[in-house]
């Protein structure tokens, strides 16, 4: 199993020296995979790829020994705001996705992560919105499928992996990707061999907690589609979009914390028992910058869980009692 880490786009913030420092840190920690953020490297501008920035990125990867020629597996996380359901600028969003795929192609990565489309973009949470009808949601899902069918075949060497979403208090359901079965239905409806699913274990844990669903049943429903995995920890508690302060969330067990593996209560061992031995992709840790100095601890904890699972030790009981039951429309909207 190949364990790696993302490069945090906010921490790097377009600074090549910080990017190089992060890569050296990953090399020293023994990471064998890196997830790159083209938006954190200023490689995409107004929907177009800056090939000079791609060249600069390639040189830094080579100089730090963190390139494919050095045996490092690369994946790419497309810019977070991409929303192929956008009603007014969907072509621009598709152009940013194309640029992300080209970025991956040029650097030798083989997987690009993109967030599932949102019926209600996070950007509108603070200003107010009208919740779309089921019919409107279906039209938006169709629009996303059309863009995926248009863009993905242009990059047959890339696996485009649509990521499941976290829920938000007061706004969910805002994204069909909160529901693993609905996400699987959308990917199956696209029907392309290079459009698959990124399982974000932390997001799935929060969504199962919020909706009163079974985390493991959700994973089973999409197991054959999972080509990439994001790993981080949290306590399952959901917050509003305005709640950003980690030091205020963690004492109460709330928030999409992106903590080191082992700090929260994500039932990772049970999840991995559902995935292995068939899963063949990367395990990318997505730690917030405040936990960057716990990288080795997180990787060690993940390795320990993987070894237990591969060694066949008895799995712990997965406690699912007490989860909230919230009605939602995602699954029906995609016909699942």
Protein backbone atom coordinates (compact mmCIF):
# COMPACT_ATOMS: atom_id res chain seq x y z
CA UNK A 1 0.00 0.00 0.00
CA UNK A 2 1.42 3.38 -1.03
CA UNK A 3 1.01 6.12 1.58
CA UNK A 4 1.47 9.76 0.66
CA UNK A 5 0.43 13.28 1.56
CA UNK A 6 -1.13 16.24 -0.10
CA UNK A 7 0.69 19.54 -0.52
CA UNK A 8 -1.52 22.13 1.15
CA UNK A 9 -2.37 24.87 -1.35
CA UNK A 10 -2.96 27.48 1.34
CA UNK A 11 0.36 26.85 3.05
CA UNK A 12 2.33 26.94 -0.22
CA UNK A 13 0.28 29.89 -1.57
CA UNK A 14 2.19 30.17 -4.84
CA UNK A 15 5.64 30.26 -3.22
CA UNK A 16 8.10 27.89 -4.98
CA UNK A 17 10.46 27.89 -1.99
CA UNK A 18 7.68 26.75 0.35
CA UNK A 19 6.71 24.08 -2.16
CA UNK A 20 10.29 22.80 -2.24
CA UNK A 21 10.45 22.81 1.56
CA UNK A 22 7.25 20.79 1.79
CA UNK A 23 8.55 18.23 -0.70
CA UNK A 24 11.78 17.86 1.28
CA UNK A 25 9.69 17.34 4.41
CA UNK A 26 7.69 14.61 2.68
CA UNK A 27 10.86 12.92 1.44
CA UNK A 28 12.35 12.95 4.95
CA UNK A 29 9.11 11.48 6.31
CA UNK A 30 9.34 8.60 3.82
CA UNK A 31 6.28 9.48 1.75
CA UNK A 32 6.00 7.55 -1.50
CA UNK A 33 3.21 9.64 -3.03
CA UNK A 34 2.39 13.33 -3.32
CA UNK A 35 -0.89 15.04 -4.24
CA UNK A 36 -0.19 18.32 -6.01
CA UNK A 37 -2.40 21.43 -6.05
CA UNK A 38 -2.11 23.35 -9.34
CA UNK A 39 -4.08 26.20 -7.73
CA UNK A 40 -1.55 26.38 -4.88
CA UNK A 41 1.24 26.70 -7.44
CA UNK A 42 -0.43 29.40 -9.58
CA UNK A 43 -0.38 27.01 -12.53
CA UNK A 44 -3.91 27.80 -13.72
CA UNK A 45 -5.01 31.32 -14.57
CA UNK A 46 -8.53 32.12 -15.77
CA UNK A 47 -9.03 28.58 -17.00
CA UNK A 48 -5.72 28.24 -18.85
CA UNK A 49 -2.62 26.31 -17.87
CA UNK A 50 0.59 28.30 -17.36
CA UNK A 51 3.16 25.94 -18.88
CA UNK A 52 6.02 27.93 -17.34
CA UNK A 53 4.67 27.13 -13.89
CA UNK A 54 4.37 23.48 -14.89
CA UNK A 55 8.05 23.51 -15.88
CA UNK A 56 8.98 25.15 -12.60
CA UNK A 57 6.98 22.53 -10.71
CA UNK A 58 8.68 19.72 -12.62
CA UNK A 59 12.14 21.12 -11.83
CA UNK A 60 11.36 21.39 -8.12
CA UNK A 61 9.99 17.84 -8.04
CA UNK A 62 13.17 16.62 -9.73
CA UNK A 63 15.54 18.64 -7.53
CA UNK A 64 13.91 17.32 -4.35
CA UNK A 65 13.79 13.71 -5.53
CA UNK A 66 10.00 13.67 -5.39
CA UNK A 67 9.22 13.01 -9.05
CA UNK A 68 8.04 9.84 -10.83
CA UNK A 69 11.60 9.13 -12.02
CA UNK A 70 12.53 8.80 -8.33
CA UNK A 71 9.74 6.27 -7.74
CA UNK A 72 7.22 8.75 -6.32
CA UNK A 73 3.56 8.38 -7.31
CA UNK A 74 1.85 11.69 -8.16
CA UNK A 75 -1.80 12.63 -8.02
CA UNK A 76 -3.38 16.05 -8.56
CA UNK A 77 -6.21 17.78 -6.72
CA UNK A 78 -8.08 20.11 -9.07
CA UNK A 79 -9.09 23.51 -7.62
CA UNK A 80 -11.73 23.07 -4.92
CA UNK A 81 -14.36 25.50 -6.36
CA UNK A 82 -14.75 23.57 -9.64
CA UNK A 83 -18.48 22.95 -10.02
CA UNK A 84 -19.55 21.41 -13.31
CA UNK A 85 -23.15 22.11 -12.26
CA UNK A 86 -22.59 25.87 -12.27
CA UNK A 87 -25.58 27.42 -14.09
CA UNK A 88 -23.78 30.45 -15.55
CA UNK A 89 -20.08 29.64 -16.01
CA UNK A 90 -19.94 25.89 -16.49
CA UNK A 91 -17.60 26.23 -19.48
CA UNK A 92 -15.06 28.09 -17.33
CA UNK A 93 -15.28 25.38 -14.67
CA UNK A 94 -14.72 22.75 -17.38
CA UNK A 95 -11.70 24.70 -18.67
CA UNK A 96 -10.18 24.73 -15.17
CA UNK A 97 -10.71 20.97 -14.98
CA UNK A 98 -9.07 20.51 -18.41
CA UNK A 99 -6.10 22.57 -17.26
CA UNK A 100 -5.82 20.40 -14.13
CA UNK A 101 -5.78 17.25 -16.25
CA UNK A 102 -3.16 18.71 -18.56
CA UNK A 103 -1.09 19.70 -15.51
CA UNK A 104 -1.23 16.08 -14.36
CA UNK A 105 -0.34 14.75 -17.81
CA UNK A 106 2.71 16.95 -18.15
CA UNK A 107 4.06 16.00 -14.71
CA UNK A 108 3.51 12.26 -14.95
CA UNK A 109 0.61 12.02 -12.50
CA UNK A 110 -2.10 9.49 -13.27
CA UNK A 111 -5.02 10.57 -11.05
CA UNK A 112 -6.90 13.87 -10.81
CA UNK A 113 -9.35 14.52 -7.98
CA UNK A 114 -12.32 16.83 -8.56
CA UNK A 115 -15.08 17.72 -6.12
CA UNK A 116 -18.60 16.53 -6.88
CA UNK A 117 -20.86 19.23 -8.26
CA UNK A 118 -22.98 21.25 -5.86
CA UNK A 119 -26.65 22.08 -6.25
CA UNK A 120 -25.99 24.96 -3.86
CA UNK A 121 -22.41 26.31 -4.10
CA UNK A 122 -20.69 26.98 -0.79
CA UNK A 123 -20.03 30.51 -2.00
CA UNK A 124 -23.75 31.28 -1.74
CA UNK A 125 -24.23 30.04 1.83
CA UNK A 126 -23.56 33.43 3.39
CA UNK A 127 -25.58 35.53 0.96
CA UNK A 128 -28.75 33.47 0.71
CA UNK A 129 -30.18 31.26 -2.01
CA UNK A 130 -33.33 29.52 -3.16
CA UNK A 131 -33.17 25.76 -2.74
CA UNK A 132 -33.51 24.19 -6.20
CA UNK A 133 -36.35 21.83 -7.06
CA UNK A 134 -35.77 18.14 -7.65
CA UNK A 135 -36.21 18.77 -11.38
CA UNK A 136 -33.54 21.48 -11.30
CA UNK A 137 -31.20 19.14 -9.43
CA UNK A 138 -31.70 16.49 -12.10
CA UNK A 139 -30.83 19.02 -14.82
CA UNK A 140 -27.67 19.99 -12.96
CA UNK A 141 -26.64 16.35 -12.61
CA UNK A 142 -27.15 15.89 -16.34
CA UNK A 143 -25.03 18.97 -17.04
CA UNK A 144 -22.19 17.57 -14.91
CA UNK A 145 -22.39 14.22 -16.73
CA UNK A 146 -22.21 15.98 -20.08
CA UNK A 147 -19.07 17.88 -19.07
CA UNK A 148 -17.42 14.73 -17.70
CA UNK A 149 -18.23 12.93 -20.95
CA UNK A 150 -16.73 15.84 -22.87
CA UNK A 151 -13.54 16.38 -20.85
CA UNK A 152 -12.43 12.97 -19.55
CA UNK A 153 -11.94 11.28 -22.96
CA UNK A 154 -9.43 13.99 -23.89
CA UNK A 155 -7.10 12.57 -21.20
CA UNK A 156 -7.26 8.78 -21.48
CA UNK A 157 -4.12 8.32 -19.37
CA UNK A 158 -5.70 10.12 -16.41
CA UNK A 159 -8.23 8.67 -14.00
CA UNK A 160 -10.62 11.46 -13.08
CA UNK A 161 -11.85 10.72 -9.56
CA UNK A 162 -14.95 12.52 -8.26
CA UNK A 163 -14.72 13.09 -4.50
CA UNK A 164 -17.51 12.67 -1.97
CA UNK A 165 -18.50 15.74 0.04
CA UNK A 166 -18.85 16.70 3.71
CA UNK A 167 -22.22 17.92 5.02
CA UNK A 168 -22.90 21.38 6.46
CA UNK A 169 -25.36 22.31 9.19
CA UNK A 170 -28.22 24.49 7.93
CA UNK A 171 -27.33 23.93 4.24
CA UNK A 172 -27.25 20.18 3.57
CA UNK A 173 -28.24 18.62 1.31
CA UNK A 174 -26.27 21.00 -0.90
CA UNK A 175 -24.32 18.36 -2.86
CA UNK A 176 -25.28 14.92 -4.16
CA UNK A 177 -21.74 13.80 -3.23
CA UNK A 178 -22.70 13.79 0.45
CA UNK A 179 -24.31 10.42 -0.34
CA UNK A 180 -21.90 7.70 -1.52
CA UNK A 181 -24.66 5.78 -3.28
CA UNK A 182 -25.76 8.88 -5.17
CA UNK A 183 -22.16 9.62 -6.12
CA UNK A 184 -21.77 6.06 -7.35
CA UNK A 185 -24.95 6.37 -9.40
CA UNK A 186 -23.64 9.52 -11.06
CA UNK A 187 -20.27 7.94 -11.91
CA UNK A 188 -21.97 4.83 -13.27
CA UNK A 189 -24.27 7.00 -15.37
CA UNK A 190 -21.21 8.67 -16.94
CA UNK A 191 -20.02 5.20 -17.89
CA UNK A 192 -16.39 5.99 -18.70
CA UNK A 193 -13.57 3.72 -17.59
CA UNK A 194 -11.41 6.70 -16.57
CA UNK A 195 -14.10 8.42 -14.46
CA UNK A 196 -14.05 6.90 -11.00
CA UNK A 197 -14.48 7.87 -7.36
CA UNK A 198 -12.26 9.34 -4.65
CA UNK A 199 -13.31 8.09 -1.24
CA UNK A 200 -12.64 10.78 1.35
CA UNK A 201 -12.93 8.71 4.51
CA UNK A 202 -13.33 11.73 6.82
CA UNK A 203 -16.11 13.26 4.71
CA UNK A 204 -17.92 9.92 4.49
CA UNK A 205 -17.75 9.51 8.28
CA UNK A 206 -19.31 12.94 8.82
CA UNK A 207 -22.05 12.36 6.25
CA UNK A 208 -22.98 8.97 7.70
CA UNK A 209 -23.10 10.53 11.16
CA UNK A 210 -25.28 13.43 10.00
CA UNK A 211 -27.74 11.46 7.87
CA UNK A 212 -28.06 8.38 10.08
CA UNK A 213 -26.67 6.18 7.32
CA UNK A 214 -24.30 3.22 7.47
CA UNK A 215 -20.77 4.23 6.56
CA UNK A 216 -19.77 0.70 5.64
CA UNK A 217 -22.86 0.02 3.54
CA UNK A 218 -22.18 3.22 1.63
CA UNK A 219 -18.61 2.14 0.93
CA UNK A 220 -19.77 -1.32 -0.17
CA UNK A 221 -22.14 0.28 -2.67
CA UNK A 222 -19.26 2.04 -4.48
CA UNK A 223 -16.32 -0.24 -3.69
CA UNK A 224 -15.81 -1.23 -7.33
CA UNK A 225 -15.57 2.46 -8.34
CA UNK A 226 -13.03 3.65 -5.74
CA UNK A 227 -9.71 4.47 -7.42
CA UNK A 228 -8.26 6.94 -4.90
CA UNK A 229 -8.53 7.44 -1.12
CA UNK A 230 -8.11 10.51 1.10
CA UNK A 231 -7.37 9.75 4.75
CA UNK A 232 -7.73 12.08 7.75
CA UNK A 233 -9.53 11.99 11.06
CA UNK A 234 -12.44 13.77 12.78
CA UNK A 235 -15.17 13.08 15.34
CA UNK A 236 -18.13 13.11 12.94
CA UNK A 237 -19.75 16.30 14.24
CA UNK A 238 -21.01 18.73 11.60
CA UNK A 239 -20.62 22.52 11.71
CA UNK A 240 -21.94 25.51 9.80
CA UNK A 241 -19.95 26.97 6.94
CA UNK A 242 -18.94 29.96 9.06
CA UNK A 243 -17.32 27.85 11.80
CA UNK A 244 -13.64 27.81 10.84
CA UNK A 245 -11.70 27.95 14.09
CA UNK A 246 -10.23 24.50 14.73
CA UNK A 247 -9.44 25.29 18.36
CA UNK A 248 -13.15 25.99 18.91
CA UNK A 249 -14.38 22.90 17.05
CA UNK A 250 -12.11 20.14 18.32
CA UNK A 251 -13.06 20.37 22.04
CA UNK A 252 -16.66 19.65 21.04
CA UNK A 253 -15.89 16.94 18.47
CA UNK A 254 -17.13 18.97 15.53
CA UNK A 255 -15.81 19.98 12.13
CA UNK A 256 -14.02 18.65 9.08
CA UNK A 257 -10.84 18.70 11.12
CA UNK A 258 -8.39 16.90 8.80
CA UNK A 259 -6.53 15.70 11.88
CA UNK A 260 -3.78 13.05 11.92
CA UNK A 261 -4.92 9.44 11.68
CA UNK A 262 -5.76 8.17 15.16
CA UNK A 263 -6.80 11.51 16.68
CA UNK A 264 -10.54 11.19 16.04
CA UNK A 265 -13.05 8.36 15.82
CA UNK A 266 -13.21 7.58 12.10
CA UNK A 267 -13.48 3.75 12.09
CA UNK A 268 -10.54 3.42 9.70
CA UNK A 269 -9.85 -0.24 10.36
CA UNK A 270 -13.41 -1.21 9.51
CA UNK A 271 -13.26 0.98 6.39
CA UNK A 272 -10.01 -0.59 5.20
CA UNK A 273 -11.43 -4.07 5.72
CA UNK A 274 -14.13 -3.10 3.22
CA UNK A 275 -11.57 -1.81 0.72
CA UNK A 276 -8.80 -4.39 0.93
CA UNK A 277 -7.48 -6.48 -0.67
CA UNK A 278 -9.13 -5.32 -3.91
CA UNK A 279 -8.12 -1.63 -3.63
CA UNK A 280 -4.99 -0.77 -5.63
CA UNK A 281 -4.80 3.03 -5.40
CA UNK A 282 -2.97 5.50 -3.18
CA UNK A 283 -3.69 6.48 0.41
CA UNK A 284 -3.25 10.26 0.52
CA UNK A 285 -3.26 11.89 3.95
CA UNK A 286 -4.94 15.29 3.92
CA UNK A 287 -3.74 17.03 7.08
CA UNK A 288 -4.42 20.67 7.83
CA UNK A 289 -1.31 22.84 8.08
CA UNK A 290 -1.65 23.05 11.86
CA UNK A 291 -0.93 19.27 11.98
CA UNK A 292 1.97 19.32 9.53
CA UNK A 293 4.45 18.48 12.32
CA UNK A 294 2.42 15.32 13.07
CA UNK A 295 2.96 13.88 9.58
CA UNK A 296 5.10 10.93 10.71
CA UNK A 297 2.71 10.12 13.56
CA UNK A 298 -0.25 10.04 11.17
CA UNK A 299 1.61 7.90 8.64
CA UNK A 300 2.73 5.50 11.36
CA UNK A 301 -0.81 5.12 12.66
CA UNK A 302 -2.09 4.49 9.15
CA UNK A 303 0.63 1.88 8.54
CA UNK A 304 -0.30 0.14 11.81
CA UNK A 305 -3.96 -0.10 10.76
CA UNK A 306 -3.01 -1.39 7.32
CA UNK A 307 -0.80 -4.05 8.85
CA UNK A 308 -3.57 -5.22 11.19
CA UNK A 309 -6.02 -5.44 8.32
CA UNK A 310 -3.59 -7.25 6.05
CA UNK A 311 -2.59 -9.54 8.90
CA UNK A 312 -6.18 -10.64 9.41
CA UNK A 313 -6.59 -9.49 13.03
CA UNK A 314 -10.16 -9.33 14.33
CA UNK A 315 -11.94 -6.08 13.46
CA UNK A 316 -13.41 -3.89 16.21
CA UNK A 317 -17.16 -3.32 16.39
CA UNK A 318 -18.34 -0.28 14.42
CA UNK A 319 -20.71 1.70 16.61
CA UNK A 320 -23.44 3.43 14.63
CA UNK A 321 -26.06 4.07 17.31
CA UNK A 322 -27.28 7.56 17.98
CA UNK A 323 -26.69 9.02 14.52
CA UNK A 324 -29.08 11.69 13.41
CA UNK A 325 -31.66 10.89 10.76
CA UNK A 326 -32.00 13.71 8.24
CA UNK A 327 -34.15 13.45 5.08
CA UNK A 328 -32.32 14.29 1.87
CA UNK A 329 -32.85 14.26 -1.87
CA UNK A 330 -29.48 13.26 -3.31
CA UNK A 331 -30.12 9.58 -4.00
CA UNK A 332 -33.50 10.04 -5.64
CA UNK A 333 -32.21 12.91 -7.77
CA UNK A 334 -29.77 10.59 -9.56
CA UNK A 335 -32.23 7.73 -9.75
CA UNK A 336 -30.36 5.56 -7.23
